[in-house]
Amino acid sequence: MKEPSVETKIEYKLWYHGTNKESASKILKNGFKEGTYFARHLEDALGFGGEYVFEVALKLNHKYWELITKDVISADRIVRLKKYKRPNIEFENKKLGDEVFNWNLENNK
């Protein structure tokens, strides 16, 4: 894998993608499909994705907390893959969480 130049590195930002173990293995081999969700914050990737979280260097200047890719993202953009242990949730207002998530999807395109 070719190391990006110093100038190029500055333009990239870390984005996060959470998934399951099976999908993580496929992503490591094939990269991310068009239409993949990425989050600017680790908490969002864990909350909406899965315990296997990719840190991915993307050359995007996107102002919202999440994005859906329009292109395939090559596996060589993966910085690292980490497995997190999910916390025990003591309380959750799932209905409100889903409403906020769906509103963001519709209004941040």
PDB file of N, CA and C in Angstrom:
ATOM      1  N   MET A   1       0.848  -1.175   0.000  1.00  0.00           N
ATOM      2  CA  MET A   1       0.000   0.000   0.000  1.00  0.00           C
ATOM      3  C   MET A   1       0.894   1.239   0.000  1.00  0.00           C
ATOM      4  N   LYS A   2       0.629   2.168  -0.918  1.00  0.00           N
ATOM      5  CA  LYS A   2       1.423   3.387  -1.050  1.00  0.00           C
ATOM      6  C   LYS A   2       1.042   4.395   0.030  1.00  0.00           C
ATOM      7  N   GLU A   3       2.050   4.953   0.679  1.00  0.00           N
ATOM      8  CA  GLU A   3       1.845   5.972   1.721  1.00  0.00           C
ATOM      9  C   GLU A   3       1.527   7.308   1.046  1.00  0.00           C
ATOM     10  N   PRO A   4       0.420   7.985   1.449  1.00  0.00           N
ATOM     11  CA  PRO A   4       0.096   9.292   0.863  1.00  0.00           C
ATOM     12  C   PRO A   4       1.168  10.332   1.184  1.00  0.00           C
ATOM     13  N   SER A   5       1.328  11.308   0.306  1.00  0.00           N
ATOM     14  CA  SER A   5       2.297  12.374   0.536  1.00  0.00           C
ATOM     15  C   SER A   5       1.838  13.253   1.700  1.00  0.00           C
ATOM     16  N   VAL A   6       2.745  14.061   2.222  1.00  0.00           N
ATOM     17  CA  VAL A   6       2.426  14.949   3.343  1.00  0.00           C
ATOM     18  C   VAL A   6       1.289  15.891   2.969  1.00  0.00           C
ATOM     19  N   GLU A   7       1.327  16.450   1.757  1.00  0.00           N
ATOM     20  CA  GLU A   7       0.271  17.365   1.323  1.00  0.00           C
ATOM     21  C   GLU A   7      -1.090  16.676   1.302  1.00  0.00           C
ATOM     22  N   THR A   8      -1.126  15.445   0.830  1.00  0.00           N
ATOM     23  CA  THR A   8      -2.376  14.691   0.728  1.00  0.00           C
ATOM     24  C   THR A   8      -2.921  14.353   2.101  1.00  0.00           C
ATOM     25  N   LYS A   9      -2.076  13.972   3.038  1.00  0.00           N
ATOM     26  CA  LYS A   9      -2.520  13.582   4.381  1.00  0.00           C
ATOM     27  C   LYS A   9      -3.325  14.693   5.046  1.00  0.00           C
ATOM     28  N   ILE A  10      -2.945  15.920   4.835  1.00  0.00           N
ATOM     29  CA  ILE A  10      -3.610  17.047   5.485  1.00  0.00           C
ATOM     30  C   ILE A  10      -5.064  17.158   5.026  1.00  0.00           C
ATOM     31  N   GLU A  11      -5.371  16.774   3.814  1.00  0.00           N
ATOM     32  CA  GLU A  11      -6.714  16.917   3.267  1.00  0.00           C
ATOM     33  C   GLU A  11      -7.684  15.848   3.759  1.00  0.00           C
ATOM     34  N   TYR A  12      -7.179  14.775   4.308  1.00  0.00           N
ATOM     35  CA  TYR A  12      -8.035  13.673   4.745  1.00  0.00           C
ATOM     36  C   TYR A  12      -8.539  13.889   6.163  1.00  0.00           C
ATOM     37  N   LYS A  13      -9.754  13.386   6.429  1.00  0.00           N
ATOM     38  CA  LYS A  13     -10.316  13.400   7.780  1.00  0.00           C
ATOM     39  C   LYS A  13     -10.725  11.982   8.130  1.00  0.00           C
ATOM     40  N   LEU A  14     -10.692  11.670   9.431  1.00  0.00           N
ATOM     41  CA  LEU A  14     -11.134  10.353   9.882  1.00  0.00           C
ATOM     42  C   LEU A  14     -12.646  10.298   9.967  1.00  0.00           C
ATOM     43  N   TRP A  15     -13.207   9.241   9.407  1.00  0.00           N
ATOM     44  CA  TRP A  15     -14.619   8.937   9.504  1.00  0.00           C
ATOM     45  C   TRP A  15     -14.730   7.532  10.072  1.00  0.00           C
ATOM     46  N   TYR A  16     -15.856   7.206  10.677  1.00  0.00           N
ATOM     47  CA  TYR A  16     -16.036   5.920  11.353  1.00  0.00           C
ATOM     48  C   TYR A  16     -17.190   5.141  10.725  1.00  0.00           C
ATOM     49  N   HIS A  17     -16.991   3.831  10.676  1.00  0.00           N
ATOM     50  CA  HIS A  17     -18.045   2.941  10.184  1.00  0.00           C
ATOM     51  C   HIS A  17     -18.116   1.726  11.103  1.00  0.00           C
ATOM     52  N   GLY A  18     -19.273   1.539  11.734  1.00  0.00           N
ATOM     53  CA  GLY A  18     -19.472   0.390  12.615  1.00  0.00           C
ATOM     54  C   GLY A  18     -20.200  -0.729  11.901  1.00  0.00           C
ATOM     55  N   THR A  19     -19.823  -1.967  12.202  1.00  0.00           N
ATOM     56  CA  THR A  19     -20.435  -3.115  11.536  1.00  0.00           C
ATOM     57  C   THR A  19     -20.273  -4.367  12.403  1.00  0.00           C
ATOM     58  N   ASN A  20     -20.656  -5.517  11.853  1.00  0.00           N
ATOM     59  CA  ASN A  20     -20.497  -6.780  12.570  1.00  0.00           C
ATOM     60  C   ASN A  20     -19.227  -7.496  12.089  1.00  0.00           C
ATOM     61  N   LYS A  21     -18.905  -8.609  12.739  1.00  0.00           N
ATOM     62  CA  LYS A  21     -17.661  -9.330  12.452  1.00  0.00           C
ATOM     63  C   LYS A  21     -17.598  -9.836  11.009  1.00  0.00           C
ATOM     64  N   GLU A  22     -18.692 -10.424  10.538  1.00  0.00           N
ATOM     65  CA  GLU A  22     -18.718 -10.981   9.186  1.00  0.00           C
ATOM     66  C   GLU A  22     -18.509  -9.891   8.128  1.00  0.00           C
ATOM     67  N   SER A  23     -19.219  -8.788   8.283  1.00  0.00           N
ATOM     68  CA  SER A  23     -19.078  -7.687   7.318  1.00  0.00           C
ATOM     69  C   SER A  23     -17.695  -7.049   7.403  1.00  0.00           C
ATOM     70  N   ALA A  24     -17.126  -6.984   8.608  1.00  0.00           N
ATOM     71  CA  ALA A  24     -15.788  -6.406   8.770  1.00  0.00           C
ATOM     72  C   ALA A  24     -14.764  -7.184   7.951  1.00  0.00           C
ATOM     73  N   SER A  25     -14.862  -8.512   7.958  1.00  0.00           N
ATOM     74  CA  SER A  25     -13.938  -9.343   7.175  1.00  0.00           C
ATOM     75  C   SER A  25     -14.061  -9.048   5.685  1.00  0.00           C
ATOM     76  N   LYS A  26     -15.293  -8.894   5.209  1.00  0.00           N
ATOM     77  CA  LYS A  26     -15.526  -8.591   3.790  1.00  0.00           C
ATOM     78  C   LYS A  26     -14.987  -7.214   3.423  1.00  0.00           C
ATOM     79  N   ILE A  27     -15.196  -6.253   4.313  1.00  0.00           N
ATOM     80  CA  ILE A  27     -14.726  -4.884   4.057  1.00  0.00           C
ATOM     81  C   ILE A  27     -13.207  -4.839   3.974  1.00  0.00           C
ATOM     82  N   LEU A  28     -12.528  -5.579   4.848  1.00  0.00           N
ATOM     83  CA  LEU A  28     -11.063  -5.608   4.817  1.00  0.00           C
ATOM     84  C   LEU A  28     -10.546  -6.117   3.471  1.00  0.00           C
ATOM     85  N   LYS A  29     -11.269  -7.030   2.860  1.00  0.00           N
ATOM     86  CA  LYS A  29     -10.859  -7.595   1.565  1.00  0.00           C
ATOM     87  C   LYS A  29     -11.294  -6.729   0.389  1.00  0.00           C
ATOM     88  N   ASN A  30     -12.524  -6.213   0.438  1.00  0.00           N
ATOM     89  CA  ASN A  30     -13.127  -5.578  -0.737  1.00  0.00           C
ATOM     90  C   ASN A  30     -13.364  -4.080  -0.630  1.00  0.00           C
ATOM     91  N   GLY A  31     -13.193  -3.512   0.550  1.00  0.00           N
ATOM     92  CA  GLY A  31     -13.495  -2.099   0.731  1.00  0.00           C
ATOM     93  C   GLY A  31     -14.980  -1.889   1.004  1.00  0.00           C
ATOM     94  N   PHE A  32     -15.410  -0.640   0.937  1.00  0.00           N
ATOM     95  CA  PHE A  32     -16.788  -0.252   1.250  1.00  0.00           C
ATOM     96  C   PHE A  32     -17.590  -0.059  -0.032  1.00  0.00           C
ATOM     97  N   LYS A  33     -18.812  -0.552  -0.025  1.00  0.00           N
ATOM     98  CA  LYS A  33     -19.701  -0.424  -1.177  1.00  0.00           C
ATOM     99  C   LYS A  33     -20.256   1.000  -1.278  1.00  0.00           C
ATOM    100  N   GLU A  34     -20.706   1.345  -2.454  1.00  0.00           N
ATOM    101  CA  GLU A  34     -21.434   2.600  -2.648  1.00  0.00           C
ATOM    102  C   GLU A  34     -22.660   2.574  -1.745  1.00  0.00           C
ATOM    103  N   GLY A  35     -22.959   3.692  -1.110  1.00  0.00           N
ATOM    104  CA  GLY A  35     -24.116   3.763  -0.217  1.00  0.00           C
ATOM    105  C   GLY A  35     -23.804   3.397   1.226  1.00  0.00           C
ATOM    106  N   THR A  36     -22.525   3.279   1.575  1.00  0.00           N
ATOM    107  CA  THR A  36     -22.123   2.967   2.940  1.00  0.00           C
ATOM    108  C   THR A  36     -22.233   4.207   3.821  1.00  0.00           C
ATOM    109  N   TYR A  37     -22.741   4.022   5.031  1.00  0.00           N
ATOM    110  CA  TYR A  37     -22.835   5.115   6.007  1.00  0.00           C
ATOM    111  C   TYR A  37     -21.514   5.265   6.754  1.00  0.00           C
ATOM    112  N   PHE A  38     -21.102   6.512   6.967  1.00  0.00           N
ATOM    113  CA  PHE A  38     -19.949   6.842   7.805  1.00  0.00           C
ATOM    114  C   PHE A  38     -20.367   7.930   8.778  1.00  0.00           C
ATOM    115  N   ALA A  39     -19.763   7.929   9.956  1.00  0.00           N
ATOM    116  CA  ALA A  39     -20.062   8.924  10.993  1.00  0.00           C
ATOM    117  C   ALA A  39     -18.794   9.704  11.323  1.00  0.00           C
ATOM    118  N   ARG A  40     -18.947  10.951  11.718  1.00  0.00           N
ATOM    119  CA  ARG A  40     -17.804  11.775  12.137  1.00  0.00           C
ATOM    120  C   ARG A  40     -17.337  11.416  13.539  1.00  0.00           C
ATOM    121  N   HIS A  41     -18.216  10.770  14.309  1.00  0.00           N
ATOM    122  CA  HIS A  41     -17.875  10.473  15.700  1.00  0.00           C
ATOM    123  C   HIS A  41     -17.982   8.981  15.981  1.00  0.00           C
ATOM    124  N   LEU A  42     -17.059   8.492  16.760  1.00  0.00           N
ATOM    125  CA  LEU A  42     -17.022   7.084  17.141  1.00  0.00           C
ATOM    126  C   LEU A  42     -18.330   6.634  17.778  1.00  0.00           C
ATOM    127  N   GLU A  43     -18.894   7.456  18.639  1.00  0.00           N
ATOM    128  CA  GLU A  43     -20.130   7.098  19.346  1.00  0.00           C
ATOM    129  C   GLU A  43     -21.263   6.787  18.380  1.00  0.00           C
ATOM    130  N   ASP A  44     -21.348   7.536  17.301  1.00  0.00           N
ATOM    131  CA  ASP A  44     -22.399   7.303  16.314  1.00  0.00           C
ATOM    132  C   ASP A  44     -22.182   5.994  15.562  1.00  0.00           C
ATOM    133  N   ALA A  45     -20.938   5.704  15.221  1.00  0.00           N
ATOM    134  CA  ALA A  45     -20.640   4.441  14.529  1.00  0.00           C
ATOM    135  C   ALA A  45     -20.966   3.250  15.419  1.00  0.00           C
ATOM    136  N   LEU A  46     -20.657   3.365  16.702  1.00  0.00           N
ATOM    137  CA  LEU A  46     -20.982   2.290  17.646  1.00  0.00           C
ATOM    138  C   LEU A  46     -22.482   2.171  17.853  1.00  0.00           C
ATOM    139  N   GLY A  47     -23.153   3.288  17.964  1.00  0.00           N
ATOM    140  CA  GLY A  47     -24.583   3.281  18.249  1.00  0.00           C
ATOM    141  C   GLY A  47     -25.443   2.786  17.108  1.00  0.00           C
ATOM    142  N   PHE A  48     -25.049   3.112  15.893  1.00  0.00           N
ATOM    143  CA  PHE A  48     -25.883   2.765  14.743  1.00  0.00           C
ATOM    144  C   PHE A  48     -25.302   1.639  13.899  1.00  0.00           C
ATOM    145  N   GLY A  49     -24.045   1.299  14.125  1.00  0.00           N
ATOM    146  CA  GLY A  49     -23.398   0.276  13.306  1.00  0.00           C
ATOM    147  C   GLY A  49     -23.228  -1.027  14.044  1.00  0.00           C
ATOM    148  N   GLY A  50     -22.095  -1.193  14.661  1.00  0.00           N
ATOM    149  CA  GLY A  50     -21.793  -2.421  15.375  1.00  0.00           C
ATOM    150  C   GLY A  50     -20.505  -2.270  16.155  1.00  0.00           C
ATOM    151  N   GLU A  51     -20.105  -3.333  16.825  1.00  0.00           N
ATOM    152  CA  GLU A  51     -18.946  -3.253  17.714  1.00  0.00           C
ATOM    153  C   GLU A  51     -17.606  -3.295  16.983  1.00  0.00           C
ATOM    154  N   TYR A  52     -17.605  -3.643  15.701  1.00  0.00           N
ATOM    155  CA  TYR A  52     -16.389  -3.585  14.885  1.00  0.00           C
ATOM    156  C   TYR A  52     -16.406  -2.245  14.165  1.00  0.00           C
ATOM    157  N   VAL A  53     -15.458  -1.372  14.525  1.00  0.00           N
ATOM    158  CA  VAL A  53     -15.485  -0.007  13.998  1.00  0.00           C
ATOM    159  C   VAL A  53     -14.214   0.277  13.196  1.00  0.00           C
ATOM    160  N   PHE A  54     -14.439   0.696  11.957  1.00  0.00           N
ATOM    161  CA  PHE A  54     -13.348   1.111  11.081  1.00  0.00           C
ATOM    162  C   PHE A  54     -13.109   2.598  11.246  1.00  0.00           C
ATOM    163  N   GLU A  55     -11.841   2.979  11.264  1.00  0.00           N
ATOM    164  CA  GLU A  55     -11.446   4.372  11.115  1.00  0.00           C
ATOM    165  C   GLU A  55     -10.952   4.484   9.681  1.00  0.00           C
ATOM    166  N   VAL A  56     -11.542   5.388   8.914  1.00  0.00           N
ATOM    167  CA  VAL A  56     -11.274   5.472   7.485  1.00  0.00           C
ATOM    168  C   VAL A  56     -10.882   6.902   7.121  1.00  0.00           C
ATOM    169  N   ALA A  57      -9.816   7.043   6.356  1.00  0.00           N
ATOM    170  CA  ALA A  57      -9.362   8.354   5.890  1.00  0.00           C
ATOM    171  C   ALA A  57     -10.092   8.691   4.601  1.00  0.00           C
ATOM    172  N   LEU A  58     -10.946   9.697   4.678  1.00  0.00           N
ATOM    173  CA  LEU A  58     -11.715  10.121   3.506  1.00  0.00           C
ATOM    174  C   LEU A  58     -11.403  11.568   3.192  1.00  0.00           C
ATOM    175  N   LYS A  59     -11.298  11.853   1.931  1.00  0.00           N
ATOM    176  CA  LYS A  59     -10.987  13.205   1.449  1.00  0.00           C
ATOM    177  C   LYS A  59     -12.297  13.923   1.164  1.00  0.00           C
ATOM    178  N   LEU A  60     -13.014  14.227   2.242  1.00  0.00           N
ATOM    179  CA  LEU A  60     -14.328  14.852   2.118  1.00  0.00           C
ATOM    180  C   LEU A  60     -14.419  16.028   3.074  1.00  0.00           C
ATOM    181  N   ASN A  61     -14.999  17.103   2.614  1.00  0.00           N
ATOM    182  CA  ASN A  61     -15.265  18.242   3.479  1.00  0.00           C
ATOM    183  C   ASN A  61     -16.780  18.288   3.690  1.00  0.00           C
ATOM    184  N   HIS A  62     -17.254  17.410   4.558  1.00  0.00           N
ATOM    185  CA  HIS A  62     -18.684  17.232   4.788  1.00  0.00           C
ATOM    186  C   HIS A  62     -19.031  17.837   6.140  1.00  0.00           C
ATOM    187  N   LYS A  63     -20.031  18.701   6.192  1.00  0.00           N
ATOM    188  CA  LYS A  63     -20.309  19.450   7.424  1.00  0.00           C
ATOM    189  C   LYS A  63     -21.241  18.740   8.396  1.00  0.00           C
ATOM    190  N   TYR A  64     -21.843  17.621   8.002  1.00  0.00           N
ATOM    191  CA  TYR A  64     -22.799  16.947   8.868  1.00  0.00           C
ATOM    192  C   TYR A  64     -22.146  15.809   9.642  1.00  0.00           C
ATOM    193  N   TRP A  65     -22.878  15.258  10.594  1.00  0.00           N
ATOM    194  CA  TRP A  65     -22.337  14.218  11.490  1.00  0.00           C
ATOM    195  C   TRP A  65     -22.242  12.864  10.823  1.00  0.00           C
ATOM    196  N   GLU A  66     -22.951  12.689   9.692  1.00  0.00           N
ATOM    197  CA  GLU A  66     -22.894  11.414   8.978  1.00  0.00           C
ATOM    198  C   GLU A  66     -22.964  11.661   7.481  1.00  0.00           C
ATOM    199  N   LEU A  67     -22.543  10.649   6.725  1.00  0.00           N
ATOM    200  CA  LEU A  67     -22.647  10.744   5.276  1.00  0.00           C
ATOM    201  C   LEU A  67     -22.888   9.358   4.695  1.00  0.00           C
ATOM    202  N   ILE A  68     -23.417   9.338   3.497  1.00  0.00           N
ATOM    203  CA  ILE A  68     -23.602   8.117   2.735  1.00  0.00           C
ATOM    204  C   ILE A  68     -22.747   8.269   1.483  1.00  0.00           C
ATOM    205  N   THR A  69     -21.839   7.330   1.261  1.00  0.00           N
ATOM    206  CA  THR A  69     -20.933   7.459   0.124  1.00  0.00           C
ATOM    207  C   THR A  69     -21.659   7.275  -1.198  1.00  0.00           C
ATOM    208  N   LYS A  70     -21.191   7.994  -2.182  1.00  0.00           N
ATOM    209  CA  LYS A  70     -21.723   7.869  -3.538  1.00  0.00           C
ATOM    210  C   LYS A  70     -20.814   6.993  -4.387  1.00  0.00           C
ATOM    211  N   ASP A  71     -19.656   6.659  -3.846  1.00  0.00           N
ATOM    212  CA  ASP A  71     -18.670   5.861  -4.569  1.00  0.00           C
ATOM    213  C   ASP A  71     -18.208   4.688  -3.713  1.00  0.00           C
ATOM    214  N   VAL A  72     -17.559   3.735  -4.353  1.00  0.00           N
ATOM    215  CA  VAL A  72     -16.896   2.644  -3.643  1.00  0.00           C
ATOM    216  C   VAL A  72     -15.661   3.240  -2.966  1.00  0.00           C
ATOM    217  N   ILE A  73     -15.401   2.831  -1.727  1.00  0.00           N
ATOM    218  CA  ILE A  73     -14.213   3.291  -0.995  1.00  0.00           C
ATOM    219  C   ILE A  73     -13.267   2.100  -0.861  1.00  0.00           C
ATOM    220  N   SER A  74     -12.081   2.238  -1.384  1.00  0.00           N
ATOM    221  CA  SER A  74     -11.090   1.166  -1.388  1.00  0.00           C
ATOM    222  C   SER A  74     -10.629   0.825   0.032  1.00  0.00           C
ATOM    223  N   ALA A  75     -10.264  -0.438   0.239  1.00  0.00           N
ATOM    224  CA  ALA A  75      -9.773  -0.890   1.550  1.00  0.00           C
ATOM    225  C   ALA A  75      -8.470  -0.199   1.936  1.00  0.00           C
ATOM    226  N   ASP A  76      -7.743   0.359   0.980  1.00  0.00           N
ATOM    227  CA  ASP A  76      -6.489   1.037   1.336  1.00  0.00           C
ATOM    228  C   ASP A  76      -6.718   2.372   2.040  1.00  0.00           C
ATOM    229  N   ARG A  77      -7.973   2.811   2.195  1.00  0.00           N
ATOM    230  CA  ARG A  77      -8.293   4.026   2.950  1.00  0.00           C
ATOM    231  C   ARG A  77      -8.533   3.708   4.427  1.00  0.00           C
ATOM    232  N   ILE A  78      -8.533   2.416   4.792  1.00  0.00           N
ATOM    233  CA  ILE A  78      -8.750   2.004   6.182  1.00  0.00           C
ATOM    234  C   ILE A  78      -7.507   2.303   7.005  1.00  0.00           C
ATOM    235  N   VAL A  79      -7.694   3.072   8.075  1.00  0.00           N
ATOM    236  CA  VAL A  79      -6.601   3.385   8.993  1.00  0.00           C
ATOM    237  C   VAL A  79      -6.463   2.262  10.017  1.00  0.00           C
ATOM    238  N   ARG A  80      -7.591   1.847  10.590  1.00  0.00           N
ATOM    239  CA  ARG A  80      -7.573   0.734  11.545  1.00  0.00           C
ATOM    240  C   ARG A  80      -8.975   0.195  11.737  1.00  0.00           C
ATOM    241  N   LEU A  81      -9.030  -1.004  12.279  1.00  0.00           N
ATOM    242  CA  LEU A  81     -10.276  -1.654  12.663  1.00  0.00           C
ATOM    243  C   LEU A  81     -10.144  -2.021  14.130  1.00  0.00           C
ATOM    244  N   LYS A  82     -11.119  -1.603  14.937  1.00  0.00           N
ATOM    245  CA  LYS A  82     -11.122  -1.915  16.365  1.00  0.00           C
ATOM    246  C   LYS A  82     -12.409  -2.620  16.740  1.00  0.00           C
ATOM    247  N   LYS A  83     -12.301  -3.539  17.690  1.00  0.00           N
ATOM    248  CA  LYS A  83     -13.489  -4.186  18.233  1.00  0.00           C
ATOM    249  C   LYS A  83     -13.742  -3.583  19.613  1.00  0.00           C
ATOM    250  N   TYR A  84     -14.944  -3.079  19.802  1.00  0.00           N
ATOM    251  CA  TYR A  84     -15.339  -2.472  21.065  1.00  0.00           C
ATOM    252  C   TYR A  84     -16.330  -3.382  21.776  1.00  0.00           C
ATOM    253  N   LYS A  85     -16.316  -3.316  23.081  1.00  0.00           N
ATOM    254  CA  LYS A  85     -17.308  -4.037  23.875  1.00  0.00           C
ATOM    255  C   LYS A  85     -18.491  -3.100  24.092  1.00  0.00           C
ATOM    256  N   ARG A  86     -19.662  -3.569  23.739  1.00  0.00           N
ATOM    257  CA  ARG A  86     -20.861  -2.747  23.916  1.00  0.00           C
ATOM    258  C   ARG A  86     -21.191  -2.614  25.395  1.00  0.00           C
ATOM    259  N   PRO A  87     -21.528  -1.401  25.819  1.00  0.00           N
ATOM    260  CA  PRO A  87     -21.900  -1.213  27.226  1.00  0.00           C
ATOM    261  C   PRO A  87     -23.309  -1.753  27.493  1.00  0.00           C
ATOM    262  N   ASN A  88     -23.578  -2.051  28.730  1.00  0.00           N
ATOM    263  CA  ASN A  88     -24.943  -2.408  29.126  1.00  0.00           C
ATOM    264  C   ASN A  88     -25.751  -1.130  29.192  1.00  0.00           C
ATOM    265  N   ILE A  89     -26.845  -1.087  28.465  1.00  0.00           N
ATOM    266  CA  ILE A  89     -27.687   0.107  28.442  1.00  0.00           C
ATOM    267  C   ILE A  89     -28.671   0.023  29.598  1.00  0.00           C
ATOM    268  N   GLU A  90     -28.632   1.022  30.454  1.00  0.00           N
ATOM    269  CA  GLU A  90     -29.507   1.067  31.625  1.00  0.00           C
ATOM    270  C   GLU A  90     -30.874   1.662  31.291  1.00  0.00           C
ATOM    271  N   PHE A  91     -30.890   2.566  30.312  1.00  0.00           N
ATOM    272  CA  PHE A  91     -32.134   3.207  29.893  1.00  0.00           C
ATOM    273  C   PHE A  91     -31.983   3.616  28.438  1.00  0.00           C
ATOM    274  N   GLU A  92     -33.061   3.489  27.670  1.00  0.00           N
ATOM    275  CA  GLU A  92     -33.030   3.928  26.282  1.00  0.00           C
ATOM    276  C   GLU A  92     -34.434   4.334  25.840  1.00  0.00           C
ATOM    277  N   ASN A  93     -34.538   5.527  25.261  1.00  0.00           N
ATOM    278  CA  ASN A  93     -35.775   5.988  24.651  1.00  0.00           C
ATOM    279  C   ASN A  93     -35.623   5.733  23.155  1.00  0.00           C
ATOM    280  N   LYS A  94     -35.827   4.489  22.751  1.00  0.00           N
ATOM    281  CA  LYS A  94     -35.583   4.059  21.373  1.00  0.00           C
ATOM    282  C   LYS A  94     -36.429   4.839  20.368  1.00  0.00           C
ATOM    283  N   LYS A  95     -37.687   5.093  20.698  1.00  0.00           N
ATOM    284  CA  LYS A  95     -38.563   5.822  19.791  1.00  0.00           C
ATOM    285  C   LYS A  95     -37.995   7.204  19.478  1.00  0.00           C
ATOM    286  N   LEU A  96     -37.578   7.931  20.506  1.00  0.00           N
ATOM    287  CA  LEU A  96     -37.012   9.259  20.300  1.00  0.00           C
ATOM    288  C   LEU A  96     -35.699   9.164  19.532  1.00  0.00           C
ATOM    289  N   GLY A  97     -34.859   8.216  19.883  1.00  0.00           N
ATOM    290  CA  GLY A  97     -33.593   8.032  19.177  1.00  0.00           C
ATOM    291  C   GLY A  97     -33.795   7.756  17.696  1.00  0.00           C
ATOM    292  N   ASP A  98     -34.759   6.903  17.381  1.00  0.00           N
ATOM    293  CA  ASP A  98     -35.059   6.589  15.984  1.00  0.00           C
ATOM    294  C   ASP A  98     -35.597   7.812  15.244  1.00  0.00           C
ATOM    295  N   GLU A  99     -36.449   8.602  15.906  1.00  0.00           N
ATOM    296  CA  GLU A  99     -36.998   9.807  15.275  1.00  0.00           C
ATOM    297  C   GLU A  99     -35.886  10.802  14.935  1.00  0.00           C
ATOM    298  N   VAL A 100     -34.962  11.004  15.867  1.00  0.00           N
ATOM    299  CA  VAL A 100     -33.855  11.935  15.645  1.00  0.00           C
ATOM    300  C   VAL A 100     -32.957  11.420  14.523  1.00  0.00           C
ATOM    301  N   PHE A 101     -32.640  10.141  14.553  1.00  0.00           N
ATOM    302  CA  PHE A 101     -31.797   9.536  13.526  1.00  0.00           C
ATOM    303  C   PHE A 101     -32.436   9.704  12.144  1.00  0.00           C
ATOM    304  N   ASN A 102     -33.710   9.373  12.025  1.00  0.00           N
ATOM    305  CA  ASN A 102     -34.400   9.470  10.732  1.00  0.00           C
ATOM    306  C   ASN A 102     -34.513  10.914  10.257  1.00  0.00           C
ATOM    307  N   TRP A 103     -34.738  11.848  11.178  1.00  0.00           N
ATOM    308  CA  TRP A 103     -34.795  13.256  10.804  1.00  0.00           C
ATOM    309  C   TRP A 103     -33.450  13.690  10.226  1.00  0.00           C
ATOM    310  N   ASN A 104     -32.350  13.273  10.878  1.00  0.00           N
ATOM    311  CA  ASN A 104     -31.025  13.623  10.390  1.00  0.00           C
ATOM    312  C   ASN A 104     -30.753  13.033   9.018  1.00  0.00           C
ATOM    313  N   LEU A 105     -31.194  11.810   8.792  1.00  0.00           N
ATOM    314  CA  LEU A 105     -31.010  11.198   7.474  1.00  0.00           C
ATOM    315  C   LEU A 105     -31.712  12.002   6.383  1.00  0.00           C
ATOM    316  N   GLU A 106     -32.912  12.431   6.670  1.00  0.00           N
ATOM    317  CA  GLU A 106     -33.700  13.151   5.676  1.00  0.00           C
ATOM    318  C   GLU A 106     -33.227  14.584   5.459  1.00  0.00           C
ATOM    319  N   ASN A 107     -32.703  15.217   6.475  1.00  0.00           N
ATOM    320  CA  ASN A 107     -32.389  16.648   6.408  1.00  0.00           C
ATOM    321  C   ASN A 107     -30.919  16.986   6.230  1.00  0.00           C
ATOM    322  N   ASN A 108     -30.061  15.988   6.196  1.00  0.00           N
ATOM    323  CA  ASN A 108     -28.632  16.259   6.064  1.00  0.00           C
ATOM    324  C   ASN A 108     -28.051  15.612   4.814  1.00  0.00           C
ATOM    325  N   LYS A 109     -28.792  15.658   3.739  1.00  0.00           N
ATOM    326  CA  LYS A 109     -28.305  15.061   2.484  1.00  0.00           C
ATOM    327  C   LYS A 109     -27.606  16.100   1.638  1.00  0.00           C
TER     328      LYS A 109
END
